[in-house]
Amino acid sequence: MRMKDYMPEPADTSKVVLPTYLACLTEKLAENVHETWALGRMRDGWTYGAVRDDAARTTPCLVPYGQLPEDEREYDRETALSVLRLIYKLGYRIVPKGSENI
């Protein structure tokens, strides 16, 4: 398959309803998504800069998760939610430790 023929086909998780108790986990996952992304950028030589500049490898997003603009945090939340929805679609369940009967 050539790259121009590639058409992404993520699993359809639009009908998956997650339990409300996963809200806290979603935020923790979103924060970790950002931390993983930031570490990768730093390893690739990127640094903080007031504006994104690909040539200079600077980005304003190299800050702790809580300091990101809301739209950036929402992007990370959507990534976390897509993973959680896929886990549920595949038939797995996540329960807090000590709460196996939820």
N, C-alpha and C. Protein backbone atom coordinates (compact mmCIF):
# COMPACT_ATOMS: atom_id res chain seq x y z
N MET A 1 0.84 -1.18 0.00
CA MET A 1 0.00 0.00 0.00
C MET A 1 0.88 1.24 0.00
N ARG A 2 0.61 2.14 -0.87
CA ARG A 2 1.35 3.40 -0.90
C ARG A 2 0.73 4.38 0.09
N MET A 3 1.55 5.29 0.58
CA MET A 3 1.10 6.25 1.58
C MET A 3 -0.12 7.04 1.11
N LYS A 4 -0.17 7.39 -0.17
CA LYS A 4 -1.30 8.18 -0.64
C LYS A 4 -2.60 7.38 -0.62
N ASP A 5 -2.49 6.05 -0.56
CA ASP A 5 -3.67 5.20 -0.51
C ASP A 5 -4.13 4.90 0.92
N TYR A 6 -3.34 5.30 1.89
CA TYR A 6 -3.66 5.01 3.29
C TYR A 6 -4.88 5.82 3.73
N MET A 7 -5.85 5.13 4.32
CA MET A 7 -7.02 5.78 4.87
C MET A 7 -7.22 5.27 6.29
N PRO A 8 -6.98 6.12 7.30
CA PRO A 8 -7.12 5.67 8.69
C PRO A 8 -8.53 5.15 8.97
N GLU A 9 -8.60 4.07 9.74
CA GLU A 9 -9.88 3.47 10.10
C GLU A 9 -9.89 3.12 11.58
N PRO A 10 -9.94 4.14 12.45
CA PRO A 10 -10.01 3.82 13.88
C PRO A 10 -11.31 3.09 14.20
N ALA A 11 -11.30 2.31 15.25
CA ALA A 11 -12.50 1.59 15.68
C ALA A 11 -13.59 2.61 16.01
N ASP A 12 -14.81 2.28 15.63
CA ASP A 12 -15.95 3.15 15.94
C ASP A 12 -16.35 2.91 17.39
N THR A 13 -16.06 3.88 18.23
CA THR A 13 -16.40 3.76 19.65
C THR A 13 -17.46 4.80 20.03
N SER A 14 -18.12 5.35 19.04
CA SER A 14 -19.08 6.45 19.29
C SER A 14 -20.25 6.02 20.16
N LYS A 15 -20.57 4.74 20.21
CA LYS A 15 -21.70 4.28 21.01
C LYS A 15 -21.28 3.74 22.38
N VAL A 16 -19.99 3.77 22.66
CA VAL A 16 -19.50 3.27 23.94
C VAL A 16 -19.78 4.31 25.03
N VAL A 17 -20.44 3.88 26.09
CA VAL A 17 -20.71 4.75 27.23
C VAL A 17 -19.83 4.28 28.38
N LEU A 18 -18.99 5.18 28.84
CA LEU A 18 -18.07 4.83 29.93
C LEU A 18 -18.73 5.09 31.28
N PRO A 19 -18.39 4.30 32.28
CA PRO A 19 -18.90 4.56 33.63
C PRO A 19 -18.40 5.91 34.14
N THR A 20 -19.22 6.60 34.90
CA THR A 20 -18.85 7.93 35.39
C THR A 20 -17.62 7.90 36.30
N TYR A 21 -17.38 6.76 36.97
CA TYR A 21 -16.23 6.71 37.89
C TYR A 21 -14.89 6.76 37.15
N LEU A 22 -14.91 6.67 35.83
CA LEU A 22 -13.66 6.76 35.06
C LEU A 22 -13.25 8.20 34.77
N ALA A 23 -14.04 9.18 35.17
CA ALA A 23 -13.70 10.58 34.90
C ALA A 23 -12.34 10.97 35.48
N CYS A 24 -12.08 10.57 36.70
CA CYS A 24 -10.79 10.89 37.34
C CYS A 24 -9.65 10.20 36.59
N LEU A 25 -9.86 8.96 36.18
CA LEU A 25 -8.84 8.23 35.44
C LEU A 25 -8.58 8.90 34.09
N THR A 26 -9.63 9.39 33.46
CA THR A 26 -9.49 10.07 32.17
C THR A 26 -8.54 11.26 32.30
N GLU A 27 -8.70 12.04 33.34
CA GLU A 27 -7.84 13.22 33.53
C GLU A 27 -6.40 12.80 33.81
N LYS A 28 -6.21 11.75 34.60
CA LYS A 28 -4.85 11.25 34.88
C LYS A 28 -4.20 10.74 33.59
N LEU A 29 -4.96 10.02 32.77
CA LEU A 29 -4.43 9.54 31.50
C LEU A 29 -4.08 10.71 30.58
N ALA A 30 -4.94 11.71 30.54
CA ALA A 30 -4.68 12.88 29.70
C ALA A 30 -3.39 13.57 30.13
N GLU A 31 -3.20 13.70 31.42
CA GLU A 31 -1.97 14.31 31.92
C GLU A 31 -0.76 13.47 31.51
N ASN A 32 -0.88 12.16 31.60
CA ASN A 32 0.24 11.30 31.21
C ASN A 32 0.50 11.35 29.71
N VAL A 33 -0.56 11.45 28.92
CA VAL A 33 -0.40 11.62 27.47
C VAL A 33 0.46 12.85 27.20
N HIS A 34 0.15 13.95 27.88
CA HIS A 34 0.92 15.18 27.69
C HIS A 34 2.37 14.99 28.15
N GLU A 35 2.55 14.38 29.31
CA GLU A 35 3.90 14.18 29.84
C GLU A 35 4.74 13.32 28.89
N THR A 36 4.13 12.29 28.32
CA THR A 36 4.83 11.43 27.37
C THR A 36 5.19 12.20 26.11
N TRP A 37 4.23 12.98 25.61
CA TRP A 37 4.48 13.81 24.42
C TRP A 37 5.62 14.80 24.70
N ALA A 38 5.55 15.49 25.85
CA ALA A 38 6.55 16.51 26.19
C ALA A 38 7.95 15.89 26.31
N LEU A 39 8.04 14.74 26.95
CA LEU A 39 9.33 14.07 27.09
C LEU A 39 9.90 13.71 25.73
N GLY A 40 9.05 13.21 24.84
CA GLY A 40 9.49 12.89 23.49
C GLY A 40 10.00 14.11 22.74
N ARG A 41 9.28 15.21 22.87
CA ARG A 41 9.72 16.46 22.22
C ARG A 41 11.07 16.90 22.77
N MET A 42 11.21 16.87 24.07
CA MET A 42 12.47 17.29 24.69
C MET A 42 13.62 16.39 24.24
N ARG A 43 13.36 15.10 24.15
CA ARG A 43 14.41 14.18 23.68
C ARG A 43 14.79 14.48 22.23
N ASP A 44 13.85 15.02 21.47
CA ASP A 44 14.11 15.38 20.08
C ASP A 44 14.70 16.78 19.92
N GLY A 45 15.01 17.43 21.05
CA GLY A 45 15.66 18.73 21.01
C GLY A 45 14.74 19.94 21.05
N TRP A 46 13.46 19.73 21.31
CA TRP A 46 12.53 20.84 21.40
C TRP A 46 12.66 21.51 22.76
N THR A 47 12.39 22.81 22.80
CA THR A 47 12.40 23.58 24.04
C THR A 47 11.16 24.47 24.08
N TYR A 48 10.94 25.04 25.25
CA TYR A 48 9.82 25.97 25.39
C TYR A 48 10.10 27.23 24.58
N GLY A 49 9.05 27.74 23.95
CA GLY A 49 9.11 29.02 23.26
C GLY A 49 7.72 29.62 23.26
N ALA A 50 7.63 30.92 23.25
CA ALA A 50 6.33 31.59 23.32
C ALA A 50 5.44 31.26 22.12
N VAL A 51 6.07 30.95 20.98
CA VAL A 51 5.32 30.55 19.79
C VAL A 51 5.93 29.28 19.23
N ARG A 52 5.09 28.51 18.54
CA ARG A 52 5.61 27.29 17.91
C ARG A 52 6.44 27.67 16.69
N ASP A 53 7.63 27.09 16.63
CA ASP A 53 8.53 27.32 15.51
C ASP A 53 9.21 25.98 15.23
N ASP A 54 8.74 25.31 14.17
CA ASP A 54 9.27 23.98 13.86
C ASP A 54 10.75 24.01 13.53
N ALA A 55 11.20 25.04 12.85
CA ALA A 55 12.62 25.14 12.48
C ALA A 55 13.50 25.29 13.72
N ALA A 56 13.04 26.10 14.66
CA ALA A 56 13.81 26.34 15.90
C ALA A 56 13.48 25.30 16.97
N ARG A 57 12.51 24.45 16.69
CA ARG A 57 12.05 23.43 17.64
C ARG A 57 11.65 24.04 18.98
N THR A 58 10.75 25.02 18.90
CA THR A 58 10.20 25.61 20.12
C THR A 58 8.68 25.48 20.08
N THR A 59 8.10 25.33 21.25
CA THR A 59 6.64 25.23 21.37
C THR A 59 6.20 25.77 22.73
N PRO A 60 5.07 26.45 22.77
CA PRO A 60 4.56 26.94 24.05
C PRO A 60 3.90 25.83 24.88
N CYS A 61 3.82 24.63 24.33
CA CYS A 61 3.15 23.53 25.04
C CYS A 61 4.09 22.72 25.93
N LEU A 62 5.35 23.09 25.98
CA LEU A 62 6.28 22.40 26.88
C LEU A 62 6.19 23.01 28.28
N VAL A 63 5.03 22.82 28.86
CA VAL A 63 4.73 23.29 30.22
C VAL A 63 3.97 22.16 30.92
N PRO A 64 3.88 22.19 32.24
CA PRO A 64 3.09 21.17 32.93
C PRO A 64 1.64 21.18 32.43
N TYR A 65 1.02 20.03 32.46
CA TYR A 65 -0.34 19.83 31.96
C TYR A 65 -1.31 20.90 32.47
N GLY A 66 -1.25 21.19 33.75
CA GLY A 66 -2.16 22.17 34.35
C GLY A 66 -1.98 23.58 33.83
N GLN A 67 -0.86 23.85 33.17
CA GLN A 67 -0.62 25.18 32.63
C GLN A 67 -0.96 25.28 31.14
N LEU A 68 -1.38 24.17 30.55
CA LEU A 68 -1.76 24.19 29.14
C LEU A 68 -3.06 24.95 28.95
N PRO A 69 -3.25 25.56 27.79
CA PRO A 69 -4.56 26.14 27.50
C PRO A 69 -5.61 25.02 27.48
N GLU A 70 -6.85 25.35 27.76
CA GLU A 70 -7.91 24.35 27.84
C GLU A 70 -8.05 23.56 26.55
N ASP A 71 -7.88 24.18 25.40
CA ASP A 71 -8.03 23.42 24.14
C ASP A 71 -6.96 22.35 24.00
N GLU A 72 -5.77 22.59 24.51
CA GLU A 72 -4.70 21.58 24.46
C GLU A 72 -5.00 20.44 25.44
N ARG A 73 -5.50 20.79 26.63
CA ARG A 73 -5.87 19.74 27.59
C ARG A 73 -7.02 18.90 27.04
N GLU A 74 -7.95 19.53 26.34
CA GLU A 74 -9.08 18.80 25.76
C GLU A 74 -8.59 17.82 24.69
N TYR A 75 -7.59 18.20 23.93
CA TYR A 75 -7.00 17.31 22.94
C TYR A 75 -6.44 16.06 23.61
N ASP A 76 -5.73 16.25 24.73
CA ASP A 76 -5.17 15.11 25.47
C ASP A 76 -6.28 14.26 26.08
N ARG A 77 -7.35 14.91 26.57
CA ARG A 77 -8.49 14.16 27.13
C ARG A 77 -9.13 13.29 26.05
N GLU A 78 -9.28 13.82 24.86
CA GLU A 78 -9.89 13.05 23.77
C GLU A 78 -9.04 11.83 23.43
N THR A 79 -7.72 11.99 23.48
CA THR A 79 -6.85 10.84 23.25
C THR A 79 -7.07 9.80 24.34
N ALA A 80 -7.11 10.23 25.59
CA ALA A 80 -7.33 9.31 26.71
C ALA A 80 -8.69 8.63 26.59
N LEU A 81 -9.71 9.40 26.27
CA LEU A 81 -11.06 8.84 26.14
C LEU A 81 -11.15 7.83 24.99
N SER A 82 -10.44 8.09 23.91
CA SER A 82 -10.49 7.15 22.79
C SER A 82 -9.90 5.80 23.20
N VAL A 83 -8.86 5.82 24.01
CA VAL A 83 -8.26 4.57 24.49
C VAL A 83 -9.22 3.86 25.44
N LEU A 84 -9.81 4.59 26.37
CA LEU A 84 -10.74 3.97 27.31
C LEU A 84 -11.95 3.40 26.59
N ARG A 85 -12.48 4.12 25.62
CA ARG A 85 -13.63 3.61 24.87
C ARG A 85 -13.28 2.33 24.11
N LEU A 86 -12.09 2.29 23.52
CA LEU A 86 -11.69 1.09 22.81
C LEU A 86 -11.54 -0.09 23.76
N ILE A 87 -10.98 0.14 24.93
CA ILE A 87 -10.85 -0.91 25.93
C ILE A 87 -12.23 -1.51 26.23
N TYR A 88 -13.22 -0.64 26.43
CA TYR A 88 -14.57 -1.11 26.73
C TYR A 88 -15.21 -1.79 25.52
N LYS A 89 -15.00 -1.26 24.34
CA LYS A 89 -15.55 -1.87 23.13
C LYS A 89 -15.01 -3.29 22.94
N LEU A 90 -13.76 -3.49 23.30
CA LEU A 90 -13.13 -4.81 23.15
C LEU A 90 -13.54 -5.80 24.24
N GLY A 91 -14.36 -5.34 25.18
CA GLY A 91 -14.89 -6.23 26.20
C GLY A 91 -14.16 -6.21 27.52
N TYR A 92 -13.17 -5.37 27.66
CA TYR A 92 -12.44 -5.26 28.92
C TYR A 92 -13.14 -4.26 29.82
N ARG A 93 -12.89 -4.36 31.11
CA ARG A 93 -13.43 -3.42 32.07
C ARG A 93 -12.32 -2.95 32.99
N ILE A 94 -12.46 -1.74 33.48
CA ILE A 94 -11.50 -1.17 34.41
C ILE A 94 -12.25 -0.85 35.69
N VAL A 95 -11.72 -1.35 36.79
CA VAL A 95 -12.33 -1.05 38.09
C VAL A 95 -11.24 -0.57 39.04
N PRO A 96 -11.59 0.36 39.90
CA PRO A 96 -10.60 0.83 40.87
C PRO A 96 -10.17 -0.31 41.79
N LYS A 97 -8.92 -0.31 42.18
CA LYS A 97 -8.40 -1.32 43.08
C LYS A 97 -9.25 -1.34 44.36
N GLY A 98 -9.63 -2.53 44.77
CA GLY A 98 -10.45 -2.68 45.96
C GLY A 98 -11.94 -2.53 45.69
N SER A 99 -12.32 -2.29 44.44
CA SER A 99 -13.73 -2.10 44.08
C SER A 99 -14.13 -3.07 42.97
N GLU A 100 -13.70 -4.28 43.03
CA GLU A 100 -13.92 -5.24 41.97
C GLU A 100 -15.39 -5.53 41.69
N ASN A 101 -16.28 -5.12 42.57
CA ASN A 101 -17.70 -5.41 42.40
C ASN A 101 -18.48 -4.27 41.74
N ILE A 102 -17.81 -3.29 41.20
CA ILE A 102 -18.51 -2.16 40.55
C ILE A 102 -19.16 -2.66 39.28
